[in-house]
Amino acid sequence: MTTEGSSTKPRKRTPGDTNIQGWGFDLHPQVSFISGGLIILFILLTLIFNEQAEGAFKAIQNLIADATGWFFVLVTNIYLGVVIILAFSKFGKIRIGGEEAKPEFSNFAWYAMLFSAGMGAGLLFWGIAEPISHLQVPPLGSEAGTAAAAEEAMGIIYLHWGFHGWGIYTLVGLSLAFFAFNRGLPLTIRSVFYPLLGEKIYEWPGNLIDILAVVATLFGLATSLGFGAQQVNAGLNFLVGLPDNVVVQVILIAIITSFATLSVVAGLDGGVRRLSELNIYLAIAFFTFMLLIGPTLFILDFFVQSLGYYIGIFPTLSFWTEAFEGTNWQNGWTIFYWAWWIAWSPFVGIFIARVSKGRTVREFVLGVLFLPSFLSFIWMSCFGGSALSLALNDIGNLPEAVQNNMATGLFVMLQQFPLTSLSSLIGLVLVITFFVTSSDSGSLVVDNLTSGGKLDSPVPQRVFWAVMEGVVAAVLLLGGGLSALQTAATITGLPFAIVLLIMCFSLRQGLTEDWAELEAKQLRVMDSRGNKEAVN
């Protein structure tokens, strides 16, 4: 047995060995009841004080972003730097699960699950809305509505959807995978801190970490589901004239959450993997369709040029905090994004860890950090580039449509090209399938956290957390719409940003110990061979 605070290999414990079981549930009592109670309290307060909720959400969002914006900007750069350094250091050779471990999924299935779980409907919601918004309000000083503003807009959207965000996922996923598969600890956030806390990860410090993870995950997912519901509603309004309002969006959340629940019941391999692969095929088809019917040559030119712009301004954008501008543009954009990515990181990190056994640290980082980022750049160039081309040429009045309702951006843009009904239907289906995969993947992860690290908990428990995600998303929409969604992500992202900062030190400590063991093993093998040769 290890001593308190020791960083050597932990004592083996069965995940969920202190759980409460019964009525179709298998719960870690402290984590489940406290996190569930906090979420239910939030739901009740928002519903009771519904009229005051919107103003309160906006005030809280501005307060946190104004006071801690610099911190979010700094730590996202630290997370990215840490995973890149680890990948290209000696630790990059360490294999997740041990030297003999083999990947459980093919490369294509692995990439499909990474992309579907990590991005979701966000690419479709913000792929049009964000570049058009930045074109109209360029934060770096370009003249609004010009080619320079369009280039600036795409550089910013690369920042928000590229290496920094995926660096957060990479850090959490790698940490969880290493401590779960190389150290035999439960697949929960608390396990990452074993080098620092020792056996206390099973006591109140570990419980507190997992409670923060559950709350962050629920609200991060609810934010995405809220955006998805708004866009599905906008698509149905465009296609069949369905009213576009909060009541309809709440109904849509209920319907799509039911589909996610069916996928959760089917499990990781039966439901989540198949839906993720379907997402990728649909996304490839939709992308190809847009590339062919859109301004193809402009898209290709714009991709190359905007990528060069992003690389050239990368250091400036990465550390920019509006220190001299005296504005608060970042509050609703960069700071919200970093908090949102961080809030999503327990969910995506645990999910990535579950499907990444058998990869080396270097393979893991290259796969999780670079490939999804590059695919995001290509996607944003195609859809965002097409939207910017229309706006710059005064076609379709897209800026006014986005200003009135961001969720309509995709469908207003598609209206300017041939086969509008078909492309809008494909886009709508893709939003829904991304919506479902995010919800079902997140439900499995929350279930994992609240069951003490068990990977196969009872079906009623999975259903409960899938329903809770939908309820929180619906309440946020009722309590303030877009501002409520952004505030929820920011509030939960702040404390977890500190957790991730400590995680950097803990992961390096664990990898250092593993590397020392590998070197000692190699020396023993060499000594053994030398002795045999001497005898012979």
Protein backbone atom coordinates (compact mmCIF):
# COMPACT_ATOMS: atom_id res chain seq x y z
CA MET A 1 0.00 0.00 0.00
CA THR A 2 1.21 3.50 -0.78
CA THR A 3 1.66 6.10 1.90
CA GLU A 4 -0.34 9.31 1.95
CA GLY A 5 0.86 11.70 -0.73
CA SER A 6 3.11 9.07 -2.30
CA SER A 7 3.54 9.08 -6.06
CA THR A 8 4.37 5.40 -6.48
CA LYS A 9 1.93 2.90 -7.93
CA PRO A 10 -1.44 2.99 -6.17
CA ARG A 11 -3.14 0.26 -4.24
CA LYS A 12 -5.58 -1.64 -6.45
CA ARG A 13 -9.21 -0.80 -5.78
CA THR A 14 -12.33 -1.91 -7.58
CA PRO A 15 -14.16 1.03 -9.24
CA GLY A 16 -17.34 1.85 -7.34
CA ASP A 17 -16.41 -0.26 -4.30
CA THR A 18 -18.26 2.18 -1.99
CA ASN A 19 -21.31 2.64 -4.22
CA ILE A 20 -24.95 2.52 -3.24
CA GLN A 21 -26.89 0.03 -5.38
CA GLY A 22 -30.59 -0.49 -5.92
CA TRP A 23 -33.63 0.52 -8.01
CA GLY A 24 -31.57 0.27 -11.18
CA PHE A 25 -28.83 2.61 -9.92
CA ASP A 26 -25.20 2.09 -8.96
CA LEU A 27 -24.09 5.43 -7.48
CA HIS A 28 -21.08 6.91 -5.77
CA PRO A 29 -23.04 8.59 -2.95
CA GLN A 30 -21.08 11.80 -2.37
CA VAL A 31 -20.46 12.61 -6.04
CA SER A 32 -23.94 11.65 -7.25
CA PHE A 33 -26.06 13.26 -4.56
CA ILE A 34 -24.10 16.50 -4.18
CA SER A 35 -23.68 17.15 -7.91
CA GLY A 36 -27.26 16.08 -8.61
CA GLY A 37 -28.50 18.30 -5.78
CA LEU A 38 -26.60 21.33 -7.09
CA ILE A 39 -28.00 20.83 -10.58
CA ILE A 40 -31.58 20.38 -9.32
CA LEU A 41 -31.19 23.50 -7.12
CA PHE A 42 -30.08 25.49 -10.16
CA ILE A 43 -33.07 24.22 -12.18
CA LEU A 44 -35.54 25.16 -9.43
CA LEU A 45 -34.08 28.63 -8.81
CA THR A 46 -34.04 29.43 -12.54
CA LEU A 47 -37.66 28.35 -12.96
CA ILE A 48 -38.85 30.16 -9.81
CA PHE A 49 -37.03 33.41 -10.64
CA ASN A 50 -37.43 33.14 -14.38
CA GLU A 51 -38.06 36.85 -14.99
CA GLN A 52 -34.91 37.90 -13.16
CA ALA A 53 -32.77 35.07 -14.55
CA GLU A 54 -31.76 36.67 -17.86
CA GLY A 55 -30.44 39.85 -16.26
CA ALA A 56 -28.62 37.87 -13.59
CA PHE A 57 -26.99 35.60 -16.17
CA LYS A 58 -25.70 38.58 -18.18
CA ALA A 59 -24.32 40.29 -15.08
CA ILE A 60 -22.52 37.14 -13.89
CA GLN A 61 -21.08 36.50 -17.37
CA ASN A 62 -19.64 40.03 -17.58
CA LEU A 63 -18.30 39.96 -14.02
CA ILE A 64 -16.41 36.68 -14.45
CA ALA A 65 -15.11 37.51 -17.92
CA ASP A 66 -13.91 40.99 -16.90
CA ALA A 67 -12.09 39.73 -13.80
CA THR A 68 -10.60 36.47 -15.11
CA GLY A 69 -10.27 36.91 -18.87
CA TRP A 70 -6.49 37.21 -18.59
CA PHE A 71 -6.39 33.95 -16.64
CA PHE A 72 -8.35 32.00 -19.27
CA VAL A 73 -6.07 33.31 -22.02
CA LEU A 74 -2.92 32.41 -20.08
CA VAL A 75 -3.91 28.89 -19.01
CA THR A 76 -5.10 27.79 -22.47
CA ASN A 77 -1.62 28.57 -23.77
CA ILE A 78 -0.07 26.62 -20.90
CA TYR A 79 -2.24 23.56 -21.61
CA LEU A 80 -1.27 23.62 -25.30
CA GLY A 81 2.42 24.04 -24.56
CA VAL A 82 2.44 21.18 -22.05
CA VAL A 83 0.93 18.55 -24.39
CA ILE A 84 3.19 19.52 -27.30
CA ILE A 85 6.30 19.33 -25.11
CA LEU A 86 5.25 15.94 -23.73
CA ALA A 87 4.57 14.54 -27.21
CA PHE A 88 7.99 15.40 -28.58
CA SER A 89 9.90 14.54 -25.42
CA LYS A 90 11.08 11.10 -24.34
CA PHE A 91 7.64 10.55 -22.79
CA GLY A 92 6.14 10.40 -26.27
CA LYS A 93 7.25 6.75 -26.53
CA ILE A 94 5.17 5.61 -23.54
CA ARG A 95 2.21 3.47 -24.64
CA ILE A 96 -1.20 3.92 -23.02
CA GLY A 97 -2.10 0.60 -21.40
CA GLY A 98 1.46 -0.73 -21.30
CA GLU A 99 4.00 -1.91 -23.84
CA GLU A 100 1.85 -4.79 -25.10
CA ALA A 101 -1.44 -2.84 -25.40
CA LYS A 102 -3.18 -2.78 -28.80
CA PRO A 103 -5.72 -0.20 -30.09
CA GLU A 104 -9.32 -1.29 -29.59
CA PHE A 105 -10.69 0.70 -32.54
CA SER A 106 -9.49 1.27 -36.10
CA ASN A 107 -7.94 4.65 -36.91
CA PHE A 108 -11.05 5.73 -38.83
CA ALA A 109 -13.43 4.79 -36.01
CA TRP A 110 -11.12 6.50 -33.50
CA TYR A 111 -10.95 9.74 -35.50
CA ALA A 112 -14.71 9.65 -36.09
CA MET A 113 -15.45 9.40 -32.37
CA LEU A 114 -12.90 12.12 -31.54
CA PHE A 115 -14.39 14.56 -34.02
CA SER A 116 -18.07 13.82 -33.33
CA ALA A 117 -17.77 13.97 -29.55
CA GLY A 118 -15.36 16.90 -29.48
CA MET A 119 -17.03 19.27 -31.92
CA GLY A 120 -20.69 18.33 -32.27
CA ALA A 121 -23.18 20.81 -33.67
CA GLY A 122 -20.89 23.72 -32.79
CA LEU A 123 -19.23 23.64 -36.22
CA LEU A 124 -22.59 24.00 -37.92
CA PHE A 125 -23.91 26.68 -35.54
CA TRP A 126 -20.81 28.87 -35.43
CA GLY A 127 -19.32 28.02 -38.85
CA ILE A 128 -21.49 30.73 -40.44
CA ALA A 129 -22.51 32.90 -37.49
CA GLU A 130 -19.03 33.60 -36.15
CA PRO A 131 -17.15 34.75 -39.28
CA ILE A 132 -20.09 36.94 -40.33
CA SER A 133 -20.23 38.46 -36.83
CA HIS A 134 -16.50 39.23 -36.90
CA LEU A 135 -16.80 40.66 -40.41
CA GLN A 136 -19.27 43.21 -39.09
CA VAL A 137 -17.39 43.91 -35.82
CA PRO A 138 -13.66 43.28 -36.42
CA PRO A 139 -11.96 43.26 -33.00
CA LEU A 140 -8.40 43.84 -34.23
CA GLY A 141 -8.98 47.16 -35.99
CA SER A 142 -9.85 46.30 -39.60
CA GLU A 143 -12.60 48.24 -41.35
CA ALA A 144 -15.95 46.45 -41.06
CA GLY A 145 -17.22 44.65 -44.16
CA THR A 146 -13.88 44.65 -45.98
CA ALA A 147 -11.59 41.90 -47.28
CA ALA A 148 -9.17 42.67 -44.43
CA ALA A 149 -11.98 42.14 -41.92
CA ALA A 150 -12.85 38.82 -43.59
CA GLU A 151 -9.26 37.63 -43.28
CA GLU A 152 -9.18 38.75 -39.66
CA ALA A 153 -12.47 36.96 -39.00
CA MET A 154 -11.15 33.66 -40.26
CA GLY A 155 -7.93 33.99 -38.24
CA ILE A 156 -10.01 34.47 -35.10
CA ILE A 157 -12.28 31.54 -35.87
CA TYR A 158 -9.17 29.35 -36.38
CA LEU A 159 -8.02 30.48 -32.94
CA HIS A 160 -11.34 29.56 -31.34
CA TRP A 161 -11.73 26.17 -33.03
CA GLY A 162 -8.12 25.05 -33.44
CA PHE A 163 -5.09 24.05 -31.43
CA HIS A 164 -5.92 25.78 -28.15
CA GLY A 165 -9.29 24.11 -27.71
CA TRP A 166 -8.06 20.70 -28.76
CA GLY A 167 -5.02 21.20 -26.52
CA ILE A 168 -7.44 21.28 -23.57
CA TYR A 169 -9.05 18.01 -24.68
CA THR A 170 -5.65 16.44 -25.30
CA LEU A 171 -4.41 17.28 -21.81
CA VAL A 172 -7.46 15.86 -20.04
CA GLY A 173 -7.79 12.81 -22.29
CA LEU A 174 -4.11 11.90 -22.04
CA SER A 175 -4.07 12.33 -18.27
CA LEU A 176 -7.13 10.14 -17.78
CA ALA A 177 -5.98 7.46 -20.21
CA PHE A 178 -2.54 7.22 -18.60
CA PHE A 179 -3.72 6.95 -15.00
CA ALA A 180 -6.56 4.58 -15.87
CA PHE A 181 -4.72 2.18 -18.16
CA ASN A 182 -1.12 2.49 -16.96
CA ARG A 183 -1.79 2.90 -13.25
CA GLY A 184 -4.99 0.86 -12.93
CA LEU A 185 -6.99 3.68 -11.35
CA PRO A 186 -10.72 4.31 -11.94
CA LEU A 187 -11.51 6.30 -15.10
CA THR A 188 -12.50 9.47 -13.25
CA ILE A 189 -10.96 12.92 -12.98
CA ARG A 190 -9.84 12.33 -9.39
CA SER A 191 -7.45 9.57 -10.50
CA VAL A 192 -5.25 12.04 -12.36
CA PHE A 193 -4.24 13.61 -9.05
CA TYR A 194 -2.88 10.44 -7.44
CA PRO A 195 0.77 11.63 -7.60
CA LEU A 196 -0.24 14.70 -5.58
CA LEU A 197 -2.98 13.35 -3.28
CA GLY A 198 -2.17 9.66 -2.92
CA GLU A 199 -5.01 7.66 -1.33
CA LYS A 200 -6.86 10.90 -0.57
CA ILE A 201 -8.28 10.75 -4.09
CA TYR A 202 -10.81 8.32 -2.56
CA GLU A 203 -11.72 10.83 0.16
CA TRP A 204 -13.26 14.33 0.14
CA PRO A 205 -10.58 15.98 -2.09
CA GLY A 206 -11.24 13.41 -4.81
CA ASN A 207 -15.00 13.70 -4.33
CA LEU A 208 -14.78 17.48 -4.76
CA ILE A 209 -12.82 17.10 -8.01
CA ASP A 210 -15.37 14.69 -9.48
CA ILE A 211 -18.30 16.86 -8.35
CA LEU A 212 -16.76 19.81 -10.21
CA ALA A 213 -16.29 17.54 -13.24
CA VAL A 214 -19.94 16.41 -13.22
CA VAL A 215 -21.31 19.95 -12.90
CA ALA A 216 -18.94 21.30 -15.58
CA THR A 217 -19.83 18.48 -17.94
CA LEU A 218 -23.60 18.87 -17.48
CA PHE A 219 -23.54 22.60 -18.08
CA GLY A 220 -21.01 22.40 -20.92
CA LEU A 221 -23.19 19.84 -22.68
CA ALA A 222 -26.36 21.78 -21.96
CA THR A 223 -24.80 24.81 -23.62
CA SER A 224 -24.16 22.84 -26.79
CA LEU A 225 -27.58 21.21 -26.74
CA GLY A 226 -29.18 24.64 -26.38
CA PHE A 227 -27.33 25.94 -29.44
CA GLY A 228 -28.27 22.78 -31.33
CA ALA A 229 -31.96 23.16 -30.48
CA GLN A 230 -31.93 26.76 -31.70
CA GLN A 231 -30.40 25.72 -35.01
CA VAL A 232 -32.74 22.74 -35.51
CA ASN A 233 -35.66 25.09 -34.86
CA ALA A 234 -34.29 27.60 -37.36
CA GLY A 235 -33.91 24.83 -39.96
CA LEU A 236 -37.44 23.53 -39.46
CA ASN A 237 -38.76 27.09 -39.61
CA PHE A 238 -37.01 27.49 -42.96
CA LEU A 239 -38.08 24.11 -44.38
CA VAL A 240 -41.64 23.68 -43.09
CA GLY A 241 -42.55 26.96 -41.40
CA LEU A 242 -42.41 25.66 -37.81
CA PRO A 243 -42.54 28.60 -35.37
CA ASP A 244 -39.12 29.71 -34.13
CA ASN A 245 -39.42 30.24 -30.38
CA VAL A 246 -38.25 28.91 -27.01
CA VAL A 247 -41.25 26.63 -26.49
CA VAL A 248 -40.58 24.80 -29.75
CA GLN A 249 -36.89 24.56 -28.86
CA VAL A 250 -37.71 22.96 -25.52
CA ILE A 251 -39.92 20.42 -27.29
CA LEU A 252 -37.11 19.70 -29.75
CA ILE A 253 -34.70 19.14 -26.86
CA ALA A 254 -37.12 16.58 -25.42
CA ILE A 255 -37.48 14.75 -28.74
CA ILE A 256 -33.79 14.65 -29.60
CA THR A 257 -32.83 13.76 -26.02
CA SER A 258 -35.06 10.69 -26.38
CA PHE A 259 -33.02 9.62 -29.41
CA ALA A 260 -29.82 10.17 -27.43
CA THR A 261 -31.25 8.04 -24.64
CA LEU A 262 -31.81 5.14 -27.03
CA SER A 263 -28.19 5.43 -28.16
CA VAL A 264 -26.99 5.52 -24.54
CA VAL A 265 -28.93 2.34 -23.79
CA ALA A 266 -27.21 0.66 -26.75
CA GLY A 267 -23.81 1.46 -25.21
CA LEU A 268 -20.45 2.67 -26.52
CA ASP A 269 -19.89 0.18 -29.33
CA GLY A 270 -23.51 -0.41 -30.30
CA GLY A 271 -24.77 3.17 -30.26
CA VAL A 272 -22.13 5.86 -29.88
CA ARG A 273 -19.57 4.40 -32.31
CA ARG A 274 -22.11 3.79 -35.06
CA LEU A 275 -23.66 7.23 -34.74
CA SER A 276 -20.19 8.83 -34.73
CA GLU A 277 -19.26 7.06 -37.96
CA LEU A 278 -22.60 8.08 -39.50
CA ASN A 279 -21.81 11.67 -38.52
CA ILE A 280 -18.49 11.57 -40.30
CA TYR A 281 -19.99 10.19 -43.52
CA LEU A 282 -22.73 12.82 -43.46
CA ALA A 283 -20.22 15.57 -42.69
CA ILE A 284 -17.97 14.51 -45.57
CA ALA A 285 -20.96 14.44 -47.95
CA PHE A 286 -22.17 17.86 -46.77
CA PHE A 287 -18.69 19.37 -47.01
CA THR A 288 -18.15 17.98 -50.53
CA PHE A 289 -21.57 19.24 -51.59
CA MET A 290 -20.81 22.74 -50.30
CA LEU A 291 -17.37 22.79 -51.85
CA LEU A 292 -18.81 21.90 -55.28
CA ILE A 293 -21.86 24.19 -55.32
CA GLY A 294 -20.17 27.05 -53.48
CA PRO A 295 -17.42 29.40 -54.72
CA THR A 296 -14.95 26.52 -55.06
CA LEU A 297 -11.88 28.44 -56.23
CA PHE A 298 -12.44 31.18 -53.64
CA ILE A 299 -12.77 28.57 -50.87
CA LEU A 300 -9.46 26.92 -51.83
CA ASP A 301 -7.65 30.24 -52.17
CA PHE A 302 -9.16 31.51 -48.94
CA PHE A 303 -8.18 28.37 -47.02
CA VAL A 304 -4.52 28.71 -47.96
CA GLN A 305 -4.39 32.46 -47.36
CA SER A 306 -6.30 32.43 -44.07
CA LEU A 307 -4.18 29.54 -42.78
CA GLY A 308 -1.07 31.60 -43.50
CA TYR A 309 -2.63 34.61 -41.78
CA TYR A 310 -3.45 32.51 -38.72
CA ILE A 311 0.06 31.05 -38.52
CA GLY A 312 1.60 34.51 -38.92
CA ILE A 313 -0.52 36.13 -36.20
CA PHE A 314 -0.71 33.04 -33.96
CA PRO A 315 1.46 34.39 -31.09
CA THR A 316 -0.39 37.72 -31.03
CA LEU A 317 -3.86 36.17 -31.13
CA SER A 318 -2.95 33.55 -28.54
CA PHE A 319 -2.01 36.10 -25.88
CA TRP A 320 -4.25 39.02 -26.85
CA THR A 321 -6.35 40.33 -23.92
CA GLU A 322 -7.72 43.73 -25.10
CA ALA A 323 -5.39 45.43 -22.61
CA PHE A 324 -5.21 48.67 -24.64
CA GLU A 325 -8.51 48.59 -26.52
CA GLY A 326 -10.71 49.24 -23.49
CA THR A 327 -13.45 47.01 -24.92
CA ASN A 328 -15.13 43.81 -23.75
CA TRP A 329 -15.46 42.02 -27.09
CA GLN A 330 -13.58 39.00 -25.74
CA ASN A 331 -16.16 38.39 -23.01
CA GLY A 332 -18.71 37.02 -25.44
CA TRP A 333 -16.21 35.30 -27.72
CA THR A 334 -12.71 34.17 -26.72
CA ILE A 335 -13.30 33.98 -22.97
CA PHE A 336 -16.62 32.21 -23.51
CA TYR A 337 -14.96 29.75 -25.88
CA TRP A 338 -12.09 28.91 -23.52
CA ALA A 339 -14.53 28.41 -20.63
CA TRP A 340 -16.77 26.29 -22.87
CA TRP A 341 -13.91 24.08 -24.05
CA ILE A 342 -12.78 23.65 -20.42
CA ALA A 343 -16.32 22.83 -19.29
CA TRP A 344 -16.52 20.19 -22.03
CA SER A 345 -13.09 18.74 -21.20
CA PRO A 346 -14.14 16.21 -18.51
CA PHE A 347 -16.73 14.75 -20.89
CA VAL A 348 -14.55 14.72 -24.01
CA GLY A 349 -11.43 13.78 -22.04
CA ILE A 350 -13.01 10.72 -20.44
CA PHE A 351 -14.61 9.71 -23.72
CA ILE A 352 -11.31 10.05 -25.63
CA ALA A 353 -9.48 8.13 -22.90
CA ARG A 354 -11.97 5.25 -23.13
CA VAL A 355 -11.34 4.77 -26.85
CA SER A 356 -7.56 5.44 -26.95
CA LYS A 357 -5.94 2.48 -25.22
CA GLY A 358 -2.97 1.13 -27.16
CA ARG A 359 -1.79 4.47 -28.60
CA THR A 360 1.56 5.98 -27.63
CA VAL A 361 1.62 9.41 -26.00
CA ARG A 362 2.99 10.86 -29.24
CA GLU A 363 0.31 9.15 -31.37
CA PHE A 364 -2.34 10.33 -28.93
CA VAL A 365 -1.27 13.97 -29.05
CA LEU A 366 -0.80 14.04 -32.82
CA GLY A 367 -4.17 12.36 -33.34
CA VAL A 368 -6.20 14.38 -30.85
CA LEU A 369 -4.52 17.76 -31.26
CA PHE A 370 -3.53 18.17 -34.89
CA LEU A 371 -5.96 16.18 -37.03
CA PRO A 372 -9.24 17.54 -35.58
CA SER A 373 -7.80 21.08 -35.61
CA PHE A 374 -6.84 20.75 -39.26
CA LEU A 375 -10.26 19.33 -40.14
CA SER A 376 -11.89 22.24 -38.32
CA PHE A 377 -9.83 24.70 -40.39
CA ILE A 378 -10.94 23.02 -43.61
CA TRP A 379 -14.59 22.97 -42.54
CA MET A 380 -14.60 26.60 -41.45
CA SER A 381 -12.88 27.69 -44.65
CA CYS A 382 -15.53 25.96 -46.75
CA PHE A 383 -18.64 27.13 -44.92
CA GLY A 384 -17.31 30.32 -43.37
CA GLY A 385 -15.52 31.21 -46.60
CA SER A 386 -18.72 30.73 -48.62
CA ALA A 387 -20.62 32.94 -46.17
CA LEU A 388 -17.96 35.65 -46.26
CA SER A 389 -17.91 35.57 -50.06
CA LEU A 390 -21.66 36.20 -50.12
CA ALA A 391 -21.40 39.01 -47.57
CA LEU A 392 -18.51 40.74 -49.34
CA ASN A 393 -20.47 40.66 -52.61
CA ASP A 394 -23.74 41.84 -50.96
CA ILE A 395 -25.61 38.65 -51.84
CA GLY A 396 -28.43 37.38 -49.63
CA ASN A 397 -28.18 39.95 -46.82
CA LEU A 398 -26.48 37.35 -44.62
CA PRO A 399 -25.06 39.84 -42.06
CA GLU A 400 -28.54 41.13 -41.19
CA ALA A 401 -29.89 37.58 -40.86
CA VAL A 402 -27.06 36.57 -38.48
CA GLN A 403 -27.50 39.73 -36.45
CA ASN A 404 -31.20 38.99 -36.00
CA ASN A 405 -30.76 35.28 -35.22
CA MET A 406 -27.40 33.51 -35.32
CA ALA A 407 -29.06 30.10 -35.60
CA THR A 408 -30.45 30.93 -39.05
CA GLY A 409 -27.03 31.65 -40.59
CA LEU A 410 -26.51 28.21 -42.15
CA PHE A 411 -29.93 28.06 -43.78
CA VAL A 412 -29.89 31.64 -45.07
CA MET A 413 -26.52 30.95 -46.66
CA LEU A 414 -27.69 27.70 -48.29
CA GLN A 415 -30.64 29.62 -49.75
CA GLN A 416 -28.22 31.47 -52.01
CA PHE A 417 -27.02 28.28 -53.73
CA PRO A 418 -28.68 25.59 -55.90
CA LEU A 419 -30.59 22.63 -54.39
CA THR A 420 -31.47 24.66 -51.30
CA SER A 421 -34.10 22.28 -49.92
CA LEU A 422 -31.81 19.26 -50.24
CA SER A 423 -28.77 20.96 -48.71
CA SER A 424 -30.87 22.41 -45.88
CA LEU A 425 -32.30 18.97 -45.13
CA ILE A 426 -28.81 17.43 -45.03
CA GLY A 427 -27.63 20.24 -42.77
CA LEU A 428 -30.58 19.74 -40.46
CA VAL A 429 -30.02 15.98 -40.21
CA LEU A 430 -26.34 16.58 -39.48
CA VAL A 431 -27.15 19.04 -36.70
CA ILE A 432 -29.51 16.48 -35.15
CA THR A 433 -27.01 13.58 -35.35
CA PHE A 434 -24.25 15.77 -33.86
CA PHE A 435 -26.75 16.77 -31.19
CA VAL A 436 -27.47 13.12 -30.40
CA THR A 437 -23.82 11.96 -30.34
CA SER A 438 -22.83 14.79 -27.99
CA SER A 439 -25.70 13.95 -25.65
CA ASP A 440 -25.21 10.18 -25.61
CA SER A 441 -21.43 10.41 -25.26
CA GLY A 442 -21.82 12.94 -22.45
CA SER A 443 -24.38 10.79 -20.66
CA LEU A 444 -22.02 7.82 -20.63
CA VAL A 445 -19.27 10.02 -19.20
CA VAL A 446 -21.41 11.62 -16.46
CA ASP A 447 -22.65 8.14 -15.61
CA ASN A 448 -19.03 7.01 -15.38
CA LEU A 449 -18.16 9.84 -12.98
CA THR A 450 -21.17 9.31 -10.73
CA SER A 451 -20.63 5.55 -10.50
CA GLY A 452 -17.09 5.82 -9.12
CA GLY A 453 -15.41 4.98 -12.43
CA LYS A 454 -17.46 2.00 -13.56
CA LEU A 455 -17.61 1.62 -17.32
CA ASP A 456 -20.86 -0.35 -17.53
CA SER A 457 -23.50 1.01 -15.16
CA PRO A 458 -27.21 0.10 -15.12
CA VAL A 459 -29.42 1.34 -17.97
CA PRO A 460 -31.80 3.40 -15.74
CA GLN A 461 -28.83 5.36 -14.50
CA ARG A 462 -27.70 6.16 -18.05
CA VAL A 463 -31.22 7.26 -18.93
CA PHE A 464 -31.40 9.52 -15.87
CA TRP A 465 -28.30 11.52 -16.82
CA ALA A 466 -29.33 11.76 -20.48
CA VAL A 467 -32.66 13.25 -19.37
CA MET A 468 -30.92 15.61 -16.93
CA GLU A 469 -28.80 17.07 -19.75
CA GLY A 470 -31.93 17.83 -21.72
CA VAL A 471 -33.67 19.37 -18.71
CA VAL A 472 -30.71 21.68 -17.94
CA ALA A 473 -30.54 22.78 -21.60
CA ALA A 474 -34.27 23.52 -21.62
CA VAL A 475 -34.08 25.48 -18.37
CA LEU A 476 -31.19 27.57 -19.66
CA LEU A 477 -33.17 28.47 -22.79
CA LEU A 478 -36.19 29.38 -20.67
CA GLY A 479 -34.02 31.41 -18.31
CA GLY A 480 -32.26 33.64 -20.80
CA GLY A 481 -31.44 32.02 -24.12
CA LEU A 482 -27.98 32.70 -25.56
CA SER A 483 -26.67 34.72 -22.59
CA ALA A 484 -27.74 31.98 -20.17
CA LEU A 485 -25.97 29.33 -22.24
CA GLN A 486 -22.76 31.37 -22.33
CA THR A 487 -22.92 32.14 -18.61
CA ALA A 488 -23.40 28.48 -17.68
CA ALA A 489 -20.24 27.52 -19.57
CA THR A 490 -18.21 30.38 -18.07
CA ILE A 491 -19.24 29.75 -14.46
CA THR A 492 -18.41 26.05 -14.58
CA GLY A 493 -15.28 26.52 -16.68
CA LEU A 494 -13.51 28.84 -14.22
CA PRO A 495 -12.98 26.46 -11.26
CA PHE A 496 -12.17 23.60 -13.61
CA ALA A 497 -9.50 25.70 -15.33
CA ILE A 498 -7.61 25.65 -12.02
CA VAL A 499 -8.05 21.87 -11.80
CA LEU A 500 -6.52 21.47 -15.27
CA LEU A 501 -3.58 23.65 -14.33
CA ILE A 502 -2.74 21.33 -11.44
CA MET A 503 -3.34 18.38 -13.77
CA CYS A 504 -0.34 19.45 -15.88
CA PHE A 505 2.03 18.87 -12.95
CA SER A 506 0.40 15.60 -11.94
CA LEU A 507 0.56 14.15 -15.46
CA ARG A 508 4.25 14.98 -15.83
CA GLN A 509 4.97 13.36 -12.48
CA GLY A 510 3.16 10.18 -13.52
CA LEU A 511 4.94 10.01 -16.89
CA THR A 512 8.31 10.60 -15.20
CA GLU A 513 7.71 7.62 -12.90
CA ASP A 514 6.60 5.42 -15.80
CA TRP A 515 9.66 6.35 -17.86
CA ALA A 516 11.95 5.52 -14.94
CA GLU A 517 10.33 2.07 -14.70
CA LEU A 518 10.81 1.50 -18.43
CA GLU A 519 14.48 2.46 -18.22
CA ALA A 520 14.99 0.16 -15.21
CA LYS A 521 13.33 -2.70 -17.10
CA GLN A 522 15.54 -2.14 -20.14
CA LEU A 523 18.63 -2.17 -17.93
CA ARG A 524 17.53 -5.47 -16.36
CA VAL A 525 17.02 -6.97 -19.83
CA MET A 526 20.46 -5.77 -20.97
CA ASP A 527 22.11 -7.15 -17.80
CA SER A 528 20.33 -10.47 -18.32
CA ARG A 529 21.56 -10.70 -21.92
CA GLY A 530 25.06 -9.75 -20.86
CA ASN A 531 25.13 -12.49 -18.20
CA LYS A 532 23.90 -15.09 -20.68
CA GLU A 533 26.55 -14.09 -23.22
CA ALA A 534 29.23 -14.26 -20.53
CA VAL A 535 28.13 -17.77 -19.53
CA ASN A 536 28.07 -18.93 -23.15
